[in-house]
C-alpha atoms as a PDB file:
ATOM      1  CA  UNK A   1     -18.200  26.071  12.086  1.00  0.00           C
ATOM      2  CA  UNK A   2     -21.098  25.326   9.754  1.00  0.00           C
ATOM      3  CA  UNK A   3     -18.640  25.057   6.854  1.00  0.00           C
ATOM      4  CA  UNK A   4     -16.448  22.689   8.897  1.00  0.00           C
ATOM      5  CA  UNK A   5     -19.428  20.477   9.755  1.00  0.00           C
ATOM      6  CA  UNK A   6     -20.678  20.357   6.163  1.00  0.00           C
ATOM      7  CA  UNK A   7     -17.213  19.538   4.828  1.00  0.00           C
ATOM      8  CA  UNK A   8     -16.739  16.878   7.520  1.00  0.00           C
ATOM      9  CA  UNK A   9     -20.037  15.158   6.718  1.00  0.00           C
ATOM     10  CA  UNK A  10     -19.353  15.340   2.983  1.00  0.00           C
ATOM     11  CA  UNK A  11     -15.827  13.907   3.299  1.00  0.00           C
ATOM     12  CA  UNK A  12     -16.824  11.180   5.763  1.00  0.00           C
ATOM     13  CA  UNK A  13     -19.829  10.027   3.745  1.00  0.00           C
ATOM     14  CA  UNK A  14     -17.921  10.138   0.439  1.00  0.00           C
ATOM     15  CA  UNK A  15     -14.903   8.181   1.716  1.00  0.00           C
ATOM     16  CA  UNK A  16     -16.828   5.619   3.789  1.00  0.00           C
ATOM     17  CA  UNK A  17     -18.021   3.367   0.931  1.00  0.00           C
ATOM     18  CA  UNK A  18     -14.641   3.608  -0.817  1.00  0.00           C
ATOM     19  CA  UNK A  19     -12.463   2.865   2.231  1.00  0.00           C
ATOM     20  CA  UNK A  20     -15.068   0.476   3.740  1.00  0.00           C
ATOM     21  CA  UNK A  21     -13.152  -0.210   6.998  1.00  0.00           C
ATOM     22  CA  UNK A  22     -15.038  -3.405   7.866  1.00  0.00           C
ATOM     23  CA  UNK A  23     -14.729  -4.864   4.382  1.00  0.00           C
ATOM     24  CA  UNK A  24     -11.083  -3.830   4.042  1.00  0.00           C
ATOM     25  CA  UNK A  25     -10.386  -5.394   7.456  1.00  0.00           C
ATOM     26  CA  UNK A  26     -11.170  -8.825   6.026  1.00  0.00           C
ATOM     27  CA  UNK A  27      -8.696  -8.268   3.195  1.00  0.00           C
ATOM     28  CA  UNK A  28      -6.166  -6.958   5.726  1.00  0.00           C
ATOM     29  CA  UNK A  29      -6.673 -10.083   7.815  1.00  0.00           C
ATOM     30  CA  UNK A  30      -6.150 -12.354   4.826  1.00  0.00           C
ATOM     31  CA  UNK A  31      -2.884 -10.577   3.954  1.00  0.00           C
ATOM     32  CA  UNK A  32      -1.475 -10.476   7.498  1.00  0.00           C
ATOM     33  CA  UNK A  33      -2.523 -14.040   8.312  1.00  0.00           C
ATOM     34  CA  UNK A  34      -1.758 -15.623  11.684  1.00  0.00           C
ATOM     35  CA  UNK A  35       0.410 -12.862  13.123  1.00  0.00           C
ATOM     36  CA  UNK A  36       0.742 -12.392  16.911  1.00  0.00           C
ATOM     37  CA  UNK A  37      -1.905 -10.217  18.548  1.00  0.00           C
ATOM     38  CA  UNK A  38       0.582  -7.472  19.508  1.00  0.00           C
ATOM     39  CA  UNK A  39       1.949  -7.254  15.981  1.00  0.00           C
ATOM     40  CA  UNK A  40      -1.564  -7.250  14.555  1.00  0.00           C
ATOM     41  CA  UNK A  41      -2.687  -4.329  16.728  1.00  0.00           C
ATOM     42  CA  UNK A  42       0.538  -2.453  16.004  1.00  0.00           C
ATOM     43  CA  UNK A  43       0.034  -2.904  12.271  1.00  0.00           C
ATOM     44  CA  UNK A  44      -3.581  -1.745  12.566  1.00  0.00           C
ATOM     45  CA  UNK A  45      -2.468   1.436  14.358  1.00  0.00           C
ATOM     46  CA  UNK A  46       0.286   2.137  11.836  1.00  0.00           C
ATOM     47  CA  UNK A  47      -2.002   1.566   8.859  1.00  0.00           C
ATOM     48  CA  UNK A  48      -4.658   3.862  10.380  1.00  0.00           C
ATOM     49  CA  UNK A  49      -2.125   6.667  10.889  1.00  0.00           C
ATOM     50  CA  UNK A  50      -0.544   6.080   7.484  1.00  0.00           C
ATOM     51  CA  UNK A  51      -3.960   6.247   5.823  1.00  0.00           C
ATOM     52  CA  UNK A  52      -4.731   9.605   7.427  1.00  0.00           C
ATOM     53  CA  UNK A  53      -1.354  11.099   6.482  1.00  0.00           C
ATOM     54  CA  UNK A  54      -1.587   9.741   2.940  1.00  0.00           C
ATOM     55  CA  UNK A  55      -5.059  11.161   2.266  1.00  0.00           C
ATOM     56  CA  UNK A  56      -4.317  14.499   3.967  1.00  0.00           C
ATOM     57  CA  UNK A  57      -1.262  15.004   1.756  1.00  0.00           C
ATOM     58  CA  UNK A  58      -3.374  14.208  -1.306  1.00  0.00           C
ATOM     59  CA  UNK A  59      -6.126  16.552  -0.110  1.00  0.00           C
ATOM     60  CA  UNK A  60      -3.719  19.444   0.425  1.00  0.00           C
ATOM     61  CA  UNK A  61      -1.339  18.940  -2.487  1.00  0.00           C
ATOM     62  CA  UNK A  62      -3.220  16.714  -4.919  1.00  0.00           C
ATOM     63  CA  UNK A  63      -4.773  19.462  -7.024  1.00  0.00           C
ATOM     64  CA  UNK A  64      -1.404  21.220  -7.294  1.00  0.00           C
ATOM     65  CA  UNK A  65       0.337  18.013  -8.376  1.00  0.00           C
ATOM     66  CA  UNK A  66      -2.278  17.282 -11.033  1.00  0.00           C
ATOM     67  CA  UNK A  67      -1.962  20.821 -12.335  1.00  0.00           C
ATOM     68  CA  UNK A  68       1.841  20.629 -12.251  1.00  0.00           C
ATOM     69  CA  UNK A  69       1.938  17.418 -14.287  1.00  0.00           C
ATOM     70  CA  UNK A  70      -0.951  18.473 -16.516  1.00  0.00           C
ATOM     71  CA  UNK A  71      -3.172  15.539 -15.504  1.00  0.00           C
ATOM     72  CA  UNK A  72      -6.920  16.044 -15.592  1.00  0.00           C
ATOM     73  CA  UNK A  73      -9.339  14.541 -13.075  1.00  0.00           C
ATOM     74  CA  UNK A  74     -11.083  12.326 -15.690  1.00  0.00           C
ATOM     75  CA  UNK A  75      -7.713  10.747 -16.520  1.00  0.00           C
ATOM     76  CA  UNK A  76      -7.174  10.020 -12.812  1.00  0.00           C
ATOM     77  CA  UNK A  77     -10.652   8.497 -12.661  1.00  0.00           C
ATOM     78  CA  UNK A  78     -10.019   6.289 -15.682  1.00  0.00           C
ATOM     79  CA  UNK A  79      -6.578   5.079 -14.568  1.00  0.00           C
ATOM     80  CA  UNK A  80      -7.566   4.693 -10.914  1.00  0.00           C
ATOM     81  CA  UNK A  81     -10.752   2.859 -11.807  1.00  0.00           C
ATOM     82  CA  UNK A  82      -8.862   0.397 -13.978  1.00  0.00           C
ATOM     83  CA  UNK A  83      -6.368  -0.296 -11.172  1.00  0.00           C
ATOM     84  CA  UNK A  84      -9.189  -0.751  -8.677  1.00  0.00           C
ATOM     85  CA  UNK A  85     -11.053  -3.068 -11.049  1.00  0.00           C
ATOM     86  CA  UNK A  86      -7.929  -5.159 -11.601  1.00  0.00           C
ATOM     87  CA  UNK A  87      -7.528  -5.544  -7.823  1.00  0.00           C
ATOM     88  CA  UNK A  88     -11.138  -6.691  -7.511  1.00  0.00           C
ATOM     89  CA  UNK A  89     -10.717  -9.127 -10.400  1.00  0.00           C
ATOM     90  CA  UNK A  90      -7.551 -10.585  -8.855  1.00  0.00           C
ATOM     91  CA  UNK A  91      -9.256 -11.063  -5.474  1.00  0.00           C
ATOM     92  CA  UNK A  92     -12.341 -12.499  -7.141  1.00  0.00           C
ATOM     93  CA  UNK A  93     -10.295 -15.150  -8.945  1.00  0.00           C
ATOM     94  CA  UNK A  94      -7.854 -15.855  -6.130  1.00  0.00           C
ATOM     95  CA  UNK A  95      -7.612 -19.564  -5.392  1.00  0.00           C
ATOM     96  CA  UNK A  96      -8.319 -20.873  -1.914  1.00  0.00           C
ATOM     97  CA  UNK A  97      -5.242 -21.214   0.251  1.00  0.00           C
ATOM     98  CA  UNK A  98      -4.831 -24.468   2.063  1.00  0.00           C
ATOM     99  CA  UNK A  99      -3.837 -24.686   5.678  1.00  0.00           C
ATOM    100  CA  UNK A 100      -0.513 -23.122   6.451  1.00  0.00           C
ATOM    101  CA  UNK A 101       2.128 -25.134   8.190  1.00  0.00           C
ATOM    102  CA  UNK A 102       3.491 -23.574  11.358  1.00  0.00           C
ATOM    103  CA  UNK A 103       6.802 -21.872  10.792  1.00  0.00           C
ATOM    104  CA  UNK A 104       9.835 -21.990  13.037  1.00  0.00           C
ATOM    105  CA  UNK A 105      10.625 -18.919  15.213  1.00  0.00           C
ATOM    106  CA  UNK A 106      13.312 -17.538  12.916  1.00  0.00           C
ATOM    107  CA  UNK A 107      11.014 -17.731   9.907  1.00  0.00           C
ATOM    108  CA  UNK A 108       8.266 -16.099  11.954  1.00  0.00           C
ATOM    109  CA  UNK A 109      10.524 -13.171  12.801  1.00  0.00           C
ATOM    110  CA  UNK A 110      11.367 -12.736   9.138  1.00  0.00           C
ATOM    111  CA  UNK A 111       7.666 -12.768   8.298  1.00  0.00           C
ATOM    112  CA  UNK A 112       6.971 -10.132  10.948  1.00  0.00           C
ATOM    113  CA  UNK A 113       9.756  -7.971   9.609  1.00  0.00           C
ATOM    114  CA  UNK A 114       8.341  -8.174   6.099  1.00  0.00           C
ATOM    115  CA  UNK A 115       4.916  -7.179   7.427  1.00  0.00           C
ATOM    116  CA  UNK A 116       6.362  -4.094   9.112  1.00  0.00           C
ATOM    117  CA  UNK A 117       7.854  -3.089   5.780  1.00  0.00           C
ATOM    118  CA  UNK A 118       4.458  -3.373   4.082  1.00  0.00           C
ATOM    119  CA  UNK A 119       2.634  -0.805   6.226  1.00  0.00           C
ATOM    120  CA  UNK A 120       2.342   1.691   3.376  1.00  0.00           C
ATOM    121  CA  UNK A 121       2.408  -0.648   0.392  1.00  0.00           C
ATOM    122  CA  UNK A 122       0.257  -2.641   0.045  1.00  0.00           C
ATOM    123  CA  UNK A 123      -1.549  -2.403   3.436  1.00  0.00           C
ATOM    124  CA  UNK A 124      -2.226   1.354   3.233  1.00  0.00           C
ATOM    125  CA  UNK A 125      -2.114   1.737  -0.534  1.00  0.00           C
ATOM    126  CA  UNK A 126      -3.920   0.203  -2.320  1.00  0.00           C
ATOM    127  CA  UNK A 127      -5.674  -2.136   0.199  1.00  0.00           C
ATOM    128  CA  UNK A 128      -7.030   0.572   2.520  1.00  0.00           C
ATOM    129  CA  UNK A 129      -6.792   3.795   0.518  1.00  0.00           C
ATOM    130  CA  UNK A 130      -6.784   2.770  -3.109  1.00  0.00           C
ATOM    131  CA  UNK A 131      -7.155   4.707  -6.352  1.00  0.00           C
ATOM    132  CA  UNK A 132     -10.823   5.280  -5.598  1.00  0.00           C
ATOM    133  CA  UNK A 133      -9.870   7.115  -2.392  1.00  0.00           C
ATOM    134  CA  UNK A 134      -7.394   9.249  -4.328  1.00  0.00           C
ATOM    135  CA  UNK A 135     -10.058  10.228  -6.850  1.00  0.00           C
ATOM    136  CA  UNK A 136     -12.608  10.995  -4.115  1.00  0.00           C
ATOM    137  CA  UNK A 137     -10.067  12.996  -2.085  1.00  0.00           C
ATOM    138  CA  UNK A 138      -8.976  15.002  -5.126  1.00  0.00           C
ATOM    139  CA  UNK A 139     -12.612  15.719  -5.928  1.00  0.00           C
ATOM    140  CA  UNK A 140     -13.293  16.838  -2.350  1.00  0.00           C
ATOM    141  CA  UNK A 141     -10.210  19.070  -2.431  1.00  0.00           C
ATOM    142  CA  UNK A 142     -11.313  20.731  -5.653  1.00  0.00           C
ATOM    143  CA  UNK A 143     -14.851  21.127  -4.301  1.00  0.00           C
ATOM    144  CA  UNK A 144     -13.564  22.735  -1.073  1.00  0.00           C
ATOM    145  CA  UNK A 145     -11.474  25.378  -2.846  1.00  0.00           C
ATOM    146  CA  UNK A 146     -13.133  28.752  -2.338  1.00  0.00           C
ATOM    147  CA  UNK A 147     -12.159  32.321  -3.259  1.00  0.00           C
ATOM    148  CA  UNK A 148     -12.331  33.479   0.368  1.00  0.00           C
ATOM    149  CA  UNK A 149      -9.220  32.463   2.304  1.00  0.00           C
ATOM    150  CA  UNK A 150     -11.039  31.879   5.622  1.00  0.00           C
ATOM    151  CA  UNK A 151     -13.815  29.790   4.054  1.00  0.00           C
ATOM    152  CA  UNK A 152     -11.194  27.831   2.140  1.00  0.00           C
ATOM    153  CA  UNK A 153      -9.368  27.056   5.398  1.00  0.00           C
ATOM    154  CA  UNK A 154     -12.516  25.886   7.223  1.00  0.00           C
ATOM    155  CA  UNK A 155     -13.544  23.695   4.273  1.00  0.00           C
ATOM    156  CA  UNK A 156     -10.184  21.922   4.115  1.00  0.00           C
ATOM    157  CA  UNK A 157     -10.204  21.573   7.914  1.00  0.00           C
ATOM    158  CA  UNK A 158     -13.563  19.800   7.762  1.00  0.00           C
ATOM    159  CA  UNK A 159     -12.275  17.412   5.089  1.00  0.00           C
ATOM    160  CA  UNK A 160      -9.164  16.712   7.177  1.00  0.00           C
ATOM    161  CA  UNK A 161     -11.330  15.875  10.197  1.00  0.00           C
ATOM    162  CA  UNK A 162     -13.421  13.558   8.032  1.00  0.00           C
ATOM    163  CA  UNK A 163     -10.257  11.789   6.883  1.00  0.00           C
ATOM    164  CA  UNK A 164      -9.092  11.488  10.506  1.00  0.00           C
ATOM    165  CA  UNK A 165     -12.422   9.905  11.470  1.00  0.00           C
ATOM    166  CA  UNK A 166     -12.000   7.364   8.677  1.00  0.00           C
ATOM    167  CA  UNK A 167      -8.483   6.614   9.927  1.00  0.00           C
ATOM    168  CA  UNK A 168      -9.881   5.921  13.384  1.00  0.00           C
ATOM    169  CA  UNK A 169     -12.443   3.564  11.875  1.00  0.00           C
ATOM    170  CA  UNK A 170      -9.694   1.747   9.968  1.00  0.00           C
ATOM    171  CA  UNK A 171      -7.624   1.401  13.145  1.00  0.00           C
ATOM    172  CA  UNK A 172     -10.483  -0.092  15.178  1.00  0.00           C
ATOM    173  CA  UNK A 173     -11.754  -2.335  12.370  1.00  0.00           C
ATOM    174  CA  UNK A 174      -8.316  -3.727  11.607  1.00  0.00           C
ATOM    175  CA  UNK A 175      -7.361  -4.188  15.268  1.00  0.00           C
ATOM    176  CA  UNK A 176     -10.485  -6.219  16.046  1.00  0.00           C
ATOM    177  CA  UNK A 177     -10.703  -8.077  12.720  1.00  0.00           C
ATOM    178  CA  UNK A 178      -9.474 -11.407  14.215  1.00  0.00           C
ATOM    179  CA  UNK A 179     -12.112 -11.300  16.977  1.00  0.00           C
ATOM    180  CA  UNK A 180     -14.818 -10.500  14.463  1.00  0.00           C
ATOM    181  CA  UNK A 181     -13.888 -13.383  12.193  1.00  0.00           C
ATOM    182  CA  UNK A 182     -13.566 -15.839  15.102  1.00  0.00           C
ATOM    183  CA  UNK A 183     -17.345 -15.989  15.235  1.00  0.00           C
ATOM    184  CA  UNK A 184     -17.622 -16.534  11.485  1.00  0.00           C
ATOM    185  CA  UNK A 185     -16.842 -19.815   9.720  1.00  0.00           C
ATOM    186  CA  UNK A 186     -14.039 -19.843   7.110  1.00  0.00           C
ATOM    187  CA  UNK A 187     -16.565 -20.601   4.376  1.00  0.00           C
ATOM    188  CA  UNK A 188     -18.589 -17.524   5.337  1.00  0.00           C
ATOM    189  CA  UNK A 189     -15.481 -15.340   5.429  1.00  0.00           C
ATOM    190  CA  UNK A 190     -14.465 -16.693   2.033  1.00  0.00           C
ATOM    191  CA  UNK A 191     -17.892 -15.853   0.641  1.00  0.00           C
ATOM    192  CA  UNK A 192     -17.825 -12.359   2.122  1.00  0.00           C
ATOM    193  CA  UNK A 193     -14.401 -11.747   0.587  1.00  0.00           C
ATOM    194  CA  UNK A 194     -15.729 -12.795  -2.814  1.00  0.00           C
ATOM    195  CA  UNK A 195     -18.690 -10.417  -2.498  1.00  0.00           C
ATOM    196  CA  UNK A 196     -16.381  -7.582  -1.455  1.00  0.00           C
ATOM    197  CA  UNK A 197     -14.086  -8.383  -4.380  1.00  0.00           C
ATOM    198  CA  UNK A 198     -17.036  -8.197  -6.793  1.00  0.00           C
ATOM    199  CA  UNK A 199     -18.177  -4.878  -5.307  1.00  0.00           C
ATOM    200  CA  UNK A 200     -14.588  -3.603  -5.605  1.00  0.00           C
ATOM    201  CA  UNK A 201     -14.571  -4.643  -9.263  1.00  0.00           C
ATOM    202  CA  UNK A 202     -17.866  -2.835  -9.868  1.00  0.00           C
ATOM    203  CA  UNK A 203     -16.647   0.333  -8.110  1.00  0.00           C
ATOM    204  CA  UNK A 204     -13.504   0.326 -10.235  1.00  0.00           C
ATOM    205  CA  UNK A 205     -15.471  -0.095 -13.468  1.00  0.00           C
ATOM    206  CA  UNK A 206     -17.881   2.682 -12.427  1.00  0.00           C
ATOM    207  CA  UNK A 207     -15.052   5.116 -11.603  1.00  0.00           C
ATOM    208  CA  UNK A 208     -13.275   4.279 -14.861  1.00  0.00           C
ATOM    209  CA  UNK A 209     -16.509   4.740 -16.813  1.00  0.00           C
ATOM    210  CA  UNK A 210     -17.162   8.119 -15.185  1.00  0.00           C
ATOM    211  CA  UNK A 211     -13.720   9.302 -16.278  1.00  0.00           C
ATOM    212  CA  UNK A 212     -14.107   7.885 -19.787  1.00  0.00           C
ATOM    213  CA  UNK A 213     -17.582   9.386 -20.164  1.00  0.00           C
ATOM    214  CA  UNK A 214     -16.292  12.817 -19.166  1.00  0.00           C
ATOM    215  CA  UNK A 215     -13.420  12.524 -21.643  1.00  0.00           C
ATOM    216  CA  UNK A 216     -15.780  11.484 -24.449  1.00  0.00           C
ATOM    217  CA  UNK A 217     -18.105  14.415 -23.753  1.00  0.00           C
ATOM    218  CA  UNK A 218     -15.109  16.782 -23.794  1.00  0.00           C
ATOM    219  CA  UNK A 219     -14.073  15.629 -27.275  1.00  0.00           C
ATOM    220  CA  UNK A 220     -15.007  17.935 -30.158  1.00  0.00           C
ATOM    221  CA  UNK A 221     -17.977  16.786 -32.190  1.00  0.00           C
END
């Protein structure tokens, strides 16, 4: 149980700043827009579950897939960091959207249908669990691999529980995002989104640099 607890704390603390449920909830809210409350909560639940399943699959099969395709972890860091940085840059330079005109019921149904189709992409990946989460999860998976079968099982179980806890945080943060932002002015929300976008850009550059630095050090003199 000590191994499970250590792996849980490690996975939860490592994924928390990358997933950032509260910060991602603001981006989720900006993408979903003025959807009905029932649809909003349903989307939040689906994205939370989808995030857990997505990261668990990566945790269990990610190292095998990288080995199968001959992709090294530094390459994943470099490519994932660049994608993450490009997302942050796009959000940072996104123009303000003016007030939206109310749509008729048929158009609203079509909009809801399109939102349901976007549960995995882009609401789960890359908004909630982006390339940074993939890199962190792959790193945790490699770190948890142990020669002893029982210790290996408990380590991966702890990481899975940490991922599940993050999924719960995503669910709650996304479901209550409208109520949170009701007490905040649009200008403040806009400013917070810009700060989050800048932090996302910095995280992407840092991850990409870590991968590039490792690749440079691995090159022959």
